[in-house]
Amino acid sequence: MAYDKKYRVRTIEYRAEGHTLEETSKTFKVSISTIREWENLLKTQGHLEKKELKRTFKKIDPVLLHQYIADHPDAYLSEIAREFSCSETAISKALKSLKITLKKRVYPTKSKIL
């Protein structure tokens, strides 16, 4: 979990007042390496903003998934999962995050009435 920006600023200001790394670490309960990292971040980038999260797909490439769905609009989740070598749940979640809906209903075969 990332620290709040105000907390980072207070920690760096406390350190700038002349306190040692050890004092600052004990006072704010932050590791020395984290304080050094924040100081370097402030020196190089000029701010202490949180890094923006970059979330990507690990197994399923969204472009390939879109292409597969376009080429095979009637494919079942199990078929798509086999194609991408993952579970049906992973495909379902990927489709949901891409806002693609697939509706497949398996109807029972009509039995003959005797």
N, C-alpha and C. Protein backbone atom coordinates (compact mmCIF):
# COMPACT_ATOMS: atom_id res chain seq x y z
N MET A 1 0.84 -1.17 0.00
CA MET A 1 0.00 0.00 0.00
C MET A 1 0.89 1.24 0.00
N ALA A 2 0.56 2.20 -0.82
CA ALA A 2 1.36 3.41 -0.94
C ALA A 2 1.00 4.41 0.16
N TYR A 3 1.99 5.20 0.54
CA TYR A 3 1.77 6.23 1.55
C TYR A 3 1.09 7.44 0.93
N ASP A 4 0.32 8.15 1.71
CA ASP A 4 -0.35 9.36 1.26
C ASP A 4 0.69 10.43 0.94
N LYS A 5 0.37 11.29 -0.02
CA LYS A 5 1.31 12.33 -0.44
C LYS A 5 1.66 13.26 0.72
N LYS A 6 0.66 13.63 1.55
CA LYS A 6 0.92 14.53 2.68
C LYS A 6 1.91 13.89 3.65
N TYR A 7 1.80 12.59 3.85
CA TYR A 7 2.70 11.87 4.75
C TYR A 7 4.12 11.88 4.20
N ARG A 8 4.25 11.69 2.89
CA ARG A 8 5.56 11.74 2.24
C ARG A 8 6.19 13.12 2.40
N VAL A 9 5.38 14.15 2.17
CA VAL A 9 5.89 15.53 2.26
C VAL A 9 6.33 15.83 3.69
N ARG A 10 5.52 15.45 4.67
CA ARG A 10 5.88 15.68 6.08
C ARG A 10 7.18 14.98 6.44
N THR A 11 7.34 13.77 5.95
CA THR A 11 8.55 13.01 6.23
C THR A 11 9.78 13.70 5.64
N ILE A 12 9.69 14.15 4.40
CA ILE A 12 10.81 14.81 3.74
C ILE A 12 11.09 16.16 4.40
N GLU A 13 10.05 16.89 4.79
CA GLU A 13 10.25 18.17 5.48
C GLU A 13 10.94 17.95 6.83
N TYR A 14 10.55 16.92 7.55
CA TYR A 14 11.17 16.60 8.83
C TYR A 14 12.65 16.29 8.62
N ARG A 15 12.95 15.55 7.59
CA ARG A 15 14.34 15.22 7.26
C ARG A 15 15.12 16.47 6.86
N ALA A 16 14.47 17.39 6.14
CA ALA A 16 15.13 18.64 5.70
C ALA A 16 15.41 19.58 6.87
N GLU A 17 14.70 19.41 7.97
CA GLU A 17 14.94 20.24 9.15
C GLU A 17 16.25 19.90 9.84
N GLY A 18 16.92 18.85 9.38
CA GLY A 18 18.22 18.50 9.94
C GLY A 18 18.23 17.20 10.71
N HIS A 19 17.15 16.47 10.71
CA HIS A 19 17.10 15.19 11.41
C HIS A 19 17.79 14.11 10.59
N THR A 20 18.36 13.14 11.28
CA THR A 20 19.06 12.06 10.58
C THR A 20 18.05 11.09 9.98
N LEU A 21 18.58 10.22 9.13
CA LEU A 21 17.72 9.20 8.53
C LEU A 21 17.13 8.28 9.59
N GLU A 22 17.93 7.93 10.58
CA GLU A 22 17.46 7.03 11.65
C GLU A 22 16.33 7.68 12.45
N GLU A 23 16.49 8.95 12.79
CA GLU A 23 15.45 9.67 13.55
C GLU A 23 14.16 9.74 12.74
N THR A 24 14.31 10.10 11.50
CA THR A 24 13.14 10.22 10.62
C THR A 24 12.44 8.86 10.47
N SER A 25 13.24 7.83 10.32
CA SER A 25 12.70 6.48 10.18
C SER A 25 11.92 6.05 11.42
N LYS A 26 12.47 6.32 12.59
CA LYS A 26 11.79 5.95 13.83
C LYS A 26 10.55 6.79 14.08
N THR A 27 10.62 8.08 13.77
CA THR A 27 9.49 8.98 14.01
C THR A 27 8.30 8.64 13.13
N PHE A 28 8.56 8.41 11.85
CA PHE A 28 7.47 8.19 10.89
C PHE A 28 7.22 6.71 10.59
N LYS A 29 8.04 5.83 11.19
CA LYS A 29 7.89 4.38 10.99
C LYS A 29 7.92 4.00 9.51
N VAL A 30 8.94 4.55 8.84
CA VAL A 30 9.18 4.29 7.43
C VAL A 30 10.63 3.84 7.31
N SER A 31 10.88 2.89 6.44
CA SER A 31 12.25 2.39 6.31
C SER A 31 13.17 3.46 5.72
N ILE A 32 14.45 3.32 6.04
CA ILE A 32 15.45 4.28 5.56
C ILE A 32 15.51 4.26 4.04
N SER A 33 15.41 3.09 3.45
CA SER A 33 15.47 2.99 1.99
C SER A 33 14.29 3.71 1.33
N THR A 34 13.12 3.67 1.98
CA THR A 34 11.95 4.38 1.45
C THR A 34 12.17 5.89 1.51
N ILE A 35 12.74 6.37 2.61
CA ILE A 35 13.01 7.81 2.74
C ILE A 35 14.00 8.25 1.68
N ARG A 36 15.04 7.46 1.46
CA ARG A 36 16.02 7.77 0.41
C ARG A 36 15.36 7.78 -0.97
N GLU A 37 14.49 6.82 -1.19
CA GLU A 37 13.76 6.75 -2.47
C GLU A 37 12.93 8.00 -2.69
N TRP A 38 12.23 8.46 -1.64
CA TRP A 38 11.41 9.67 -1.74
C TRP A 38 12.29 10.89 -2.00
N GLU A 39 13.45 10.96 -1.34
CA GLU A 39 14.36 12.09 -1.57
C GLU A 39 14.86 12.10 -3.01
N ASN A 40 15.22 10.93 -3.52
CA ASN A 40 15.66 10.84 -4.92
C ASN A 40 14.54 11.19 -5.89
N LEU A 41 13.34 10.75 -5.57
CA LEU A 41 12.18 11.06 -6.40
C LEU A 41 11.94 12.57 -6.45
N LEU A 42 12.04 13.22 -5.30
CA LEU A 42 11.85 14.66 -5.24
C LEU A 42 12.95 15.39 -5.99
N LYS A 43 14.18 14.88 -5.90
CA LYS A 43 15.32 15.50 -6.57
C LYS A 43 15.22 15.36 -8.09
N THR A 44 14.86 14.17 -8.56
CA THR A 44 14.85 13.91 -10.00
C THR A 44 13.58 14.39 -10.69
N GLN A 45 12.42 14.17 -10.06
CA GLN A 45 11.15 14.50 -10.72
C GLN A 45 10.51 15.77 -10.18
N GLY A 46 10.92 16.20 -9.00
CA GLY A 46 10.38 17.43 -8.44
C GLY A 46 9.05 17.28 -7.74
N HIS A 47 8.57 16.06 -7.56
CA HIS A 47 7.30 15.84 -6.86
C HIS A 47 7.32 14.49 -6.16
N LEU A 48 6.34 14.30 -5.29
CA LEU A 48 6.23 13.04 -4.55
C LEU A 48 4.91 12.34 -4.85
N GLU A 49 4.41 12.48 -6.05
CA GLU A 49 3.15 11.86 -6.45
C GLU A 49 3.29 10.35 -6.49
N LYS A 50 2.18 9.67 -6.26
CA LYS A 50 2.15 8.22 -6.36
C LYS A 50 2.33 7.82 -7.82
N LYS A 51 2.97 6.68 -8.02
CA LYS A 51 3.13 6.19 -9.38
C LYS A 51 1.78 5.68 -9.87
N GLU A 52 1.50 5.94 -11.11
CA GLU A 52 0.24 5.49 -11.69
C GLU A 52 0.34 3.99 -11.99
N LEU A 53 -0.69 3.25 -11.61
CA LEU A 53 -0.69 1.82 -11.86
C LEU A 53 -0.90 1.54 -13.34
N LYS A 54 -0.12 0.63 -13.85
CA LYS A 54 -0.27 0.22 -15.24
C LYS A 54 -0.68 -1.23 -15.23
N ARG A 55 -1.94 -1.46 -15.45
CA ARG A 55 -2.44 -2.83 -15.44
C ARG A 55 -2.52 -3.34 -16.87
N THR A 56 -2.03 -4.53 -17.04
CA THR A 56 -2.06 -5.15 -18.36
C THR A 56 -2.57 -6.58 -18.22
N PHE A 57 -2.96 -7.13 -19.34
CA PHE A 57 -3.36 -8.52 -19.36
C PHE A 57 -2.10 -9.36 -19.31
N LYS A 58 -2.15 -10.45 -18.57
CA LYS A 58 -0.97 -11.29 -18.45
C LYS A 58 -0.94 -12.37 -19.52
N LYS A 59 -2.04 -13.03 -19.73
CA LYS A 59 -2.07 -14.12 -20.70
C LYS A 59 -2.85 -13.77 -21.96
N ILE A 60 -3.87 -12.99 -21.78
CA ILE A 60 -4.80 -12.75 -22.89
C ILE A 60 -4.58 -11.36 -23.45
N ASP A 61 -4.09 -11.32 -24.68
CA ASP A 61 -3.89 -10.04 -25.35
C ASP A 61 -5.24 -9.52 -25.84
N PRO A 62 -5.64 -8.30 -25.42
CA PRO A 62 -6.96 -7.80 -25.80
C PRO A 62 -7.16 -7.67 -27.31
N VAL A 63 -6.10 -7.31 -28.02
CA VAL A 63 -6.22 -7.17 -29.48
C VAL A 63 -6.49 -8.53 -30.11
N LEU A 64 -5.76 -9.55 -29.66
CA LEU A 64 -5.98 -10.89 -30.21
C LEU A 64 -7.35 -11.42 -29.84
N LEU A 65 -7.80 -11.10 -28.63
CA LEU A 65 -9.13 -11.54 -28.21
C LEU A 65 -10.22 -10.89 -29.06
N HIS A 66 -10.09 -9.58 -29.30
CA HIS A 66 -11.05 -8.89 -30.18
C HIS A 66 -11.06 -9.53 -31.57
N GLN A 67 -9.88 -9.82 -32.09
CA GLN A 67 -9.77 -10.41 -33.42
C GLN A 67 -10.40 -11.80 -33.45
N TYR A 68 -10.15 -12.58 -32.41
CA TYR A 68 -10.71 -13.93 -32.35
C TYR A 68 -12.24 -13.87 -32.30
N ILE A 69 -12.78 -12.96 -31.50
CA ILE A 69 -14.24 -12.82 -31.39
C ILE A 69 -14.83 -12.36 -32.72
N ALA A 70 -14.12 -11.47 -33.41
CA ALA A 70 -14.61 -11.01 -34.71
C ALA A 70 -14.61 -12.15 -35.73
N ASP A 71 -13.58 -12.99 -35.68
CA ASP A 71 -13.48 -14.11 -36.62
C ASP A 71 -14.41 -15.27 -36.25
N HIS A 72 -14.66 -15.44 -34.95
CA HIS A 72 -15.48 -16.55 -34.46
C HIS A 72 -16.56 -16.01 -33.52
N PRO A 73 -17.56 -15.33 -34.05
CA PRO A 73 -18.57 -14.71 -33.18
C PRO A 73 -19.45 -15.72 -32.44
N ASP A 74 -19.49 -16.96 -32.91
CA ASP A 74 -20.34 -17.95 -32.26
C ASP A 74 -19.56 -18.93 -31.38
N ALA A 75 -18.32 -18.59 -31.04
CA ALA A 75 -17.48 -19.49 -30.23
C ALA A 75 -17.92 -19.49 -28.77
N TYR A 76 -17.85 -20.66 -28.16
CA TYR A 76 -18.16 -20.79 -26.75
C TYR A 76 -16.94 -20.39 -25.92
N LEU A 77 -17.17 -20.10 -24.65
CA LEU A 77 -16.07 -19.75 -23.76
C LEU A 77 -15.01 -20.85 -23.71
N SER A 78 -15.46 -22.09 -23.70
CA SER A 78 -14.52 -23.21 -23.63
C SER A 78 -13.62 -23.25 -24.86
N GLU A 79 -14.16 -22.92 -26.02
CA GLU A 79 -13.36 -22.90 -27.25
C GLU A 79 -12.36 -21.75 -27.22
N ILE A 80 -12.80 -20.61 -26.75
CA ILE A 80 -11.90 -19.46 -26.66
C ILE A 80 -10.79 -19.74 -25.65
N ALA A 81 -11.16 -20.37 -24.54
CA ALA A 81 -10.18 -20.71 -23.50
C ALA A 81 -9.13 -21.67 -24.04
N ARG A 82 -9.54 -22.65 -24.81
CA ARG A 82 -8.57 -23.57 -25.42
C ARG A 82 -7.63 -22.84 -26.36
N GLU A 83 -8.17 -21.91 -27.12
CA GLU A 83 -7.37 -21.15 -28.07
C GLU A 83 -6.29 -20.31 -27.36
N PHE A 84 -6.64 -19.73 -26.22
CA PHE A 84 -5.72 -18.87 -25.49
C PHE A 84 -4.99 -19.59 -24.35
N SER A 85 -5.20 -20.89 -24.21
CA SER A 85 -4.55 -21.72 -23.19
C SER A 85 -4.76 -21.19 -21.78
N CYS A 86 -6.00 -20.94 -21.44
CA CYS A 86 -6.33 -20.48 -20.09
C CYS A 86 -7.72 -20.99 -19.71
N SER A 87 -8.19 -20.57 -18.57
CA SER A 87 -9.49 -21.05 -18.09
C SER A 87 -10.64 -20.24 -18.68
N GLU A 88 -11.82 -20.81 -18.58
CA GLU A 88 -13.02 -20.11 -19.04
C GLU A 88 -13.27 -18.87 -18.18
N THR A 89 -12.94 -18.96 -16.90
CA THR A 89 -13.11 -17.82 -16.00
C THR A 89 -12.24 -16.65 -16.43
N ALA A 90 -11.00 -16.95 -16.82
CA ALA A 90 -10.10 -15.89 -17.28
C ALA A 90 -10.65 -15.21 -18.53
N ILE A 91 -11.19 -16.01 -19.44
CA ILE A 91 -11.78 -15.45 -20.66
C ILE A 91 -12.99 -14.60 -20.31
N SER A 92 -13.81 -15.12 -19.41
CA SER A 92 -15.01 -14.39 -18.99
C SER A 92 -14.66 -13.04 -18.39
N LYS A 93 -13.65 -13.02 -17.52
CA LYS A 93 -13.22 -11.76 -16.90
C LYS A 93 -12.62 -10.81 -17.92
N ALA A 94 -11.84 -11.34 -18.86
CA ALA A 94 -11.24 -10.50 -19.90
C ALA A 94 -12.33 -9.89 -20.79
N LEU A 95 -13.31 -10.68 -21.14
CA LEU A 95 -14.41 -10.18 -21.97
C LEU A 95 -15.20 -9.11 -21.21
N LYS A 96 -15.41 -9.33 -19.92
CA LYS A 96 -16.14 -8.36 -19.12
C LYS A 96 -15.38 -7.04 -19.03
N SER A 97 -14.06 -7.12 -18.83
CA SER A 97 -13.27 -5.88 -18.73
C SER A 97 -13.21 -5.14 -20.06
N LEU A 98 -13.32 -5.89 -21.16
CA LEU A 98 -13.35 -5.27 -22.49
C LEU A 98 -14.76 -4.89 -22.93
N LYS A 99 -15.74 -5.19 -22.06
CA LYS A 99 -17.15 -4.88 -22.32
C LYS A 99 -17.66 -5.58 -23.58
N ILE A 100 -17.28 -6.85 -23.71
CA ILE A 100 -17.76 -7.69 -24.80
C ILE A 100 -18.69 -8.72 -24.18
N THR A 101 -19.87 -8.85 -24.74
CA THR A 101 -20.81 -9.84 -24.21
C THR A 101 -21.00 -10.96 -25.22
N LEU A 102 -20.99 -12.16 -24.71
CA LEU A 102 -21.28 -13.35 -25.51
C LEU A 102 -22.42 -14.06 -24.84
N LYS A 103 -23.47 -14.30 -25.57
CA LYS A 103 -24.60 -15.00 -24.98
C LYS A 103 -24.79 -16.31 -25.72
N LYS A 104 -24.51 -17.36 -25.02
CA LYS A 104 -24.67 -18.69 -25.59
C LYS A 104 -25.61 -19.46 -24.69
N ARG A 105 -26.62 -19.98 -25.25
CA ARG A 105 -27.55 -20.81 -24.48
C ARG A 105 -27.53 -22.20 -25.08
N VAL A 106 -27.45 -23.16 -24.23
CA VAL A 106 -27.49 -24.54 -24.67
C VAL A 106 -28.92 -25.02 -24.46
N TYR A 107 -29.59 -25.26 -25.57
CA TYR A 107 -30.97 -25.73 -25.50
C TYR A 107 -30.98 -27.25 -25.53
N PRO A 108 -31.83 -27.85 -24.73
CA PRO A 108 -31.93 -29.31 -24.78
C PRO A 108 -32.53 -29.73 -26.13
N THR A 109 -32.11 -30.88 -26.57
CA THR A 109 -32.66 -31.37 -27.84
C THR A 109 -34.12 -31.75 -27.64
N LYS A 110 -34.88 -31.55 -28.65
CA LYS A 110 -36.31 -31.88 -28.55
C LYS A 110 -36.49 -33.39 -28.58
N SER A 111 -37.15 -33.87 -27.60
CA SER A 111 -37.41 -35.31 -27.58
C SER A 111 -38.72 -35.59 -28.29
N LYS A 112 -38.74 -36.71 -28.92
CA LYS A 112 -39.96 -37.08 -29.64
C LYS A 112 -41.00 -37.57 -28.65
N ILE A 113 -42.19 -37.09 -28.84
CA ILE A 113 -43.28 -37.53 -27.97
C ILE A 113 -43.88 -38.79 -28.57
N LEU A 114 -43.97 -39.81 -27.76
CA LEU A 114 -44.52 -41.07 -28.25
C LEU A 114 -45.99 -41.14 -28.07
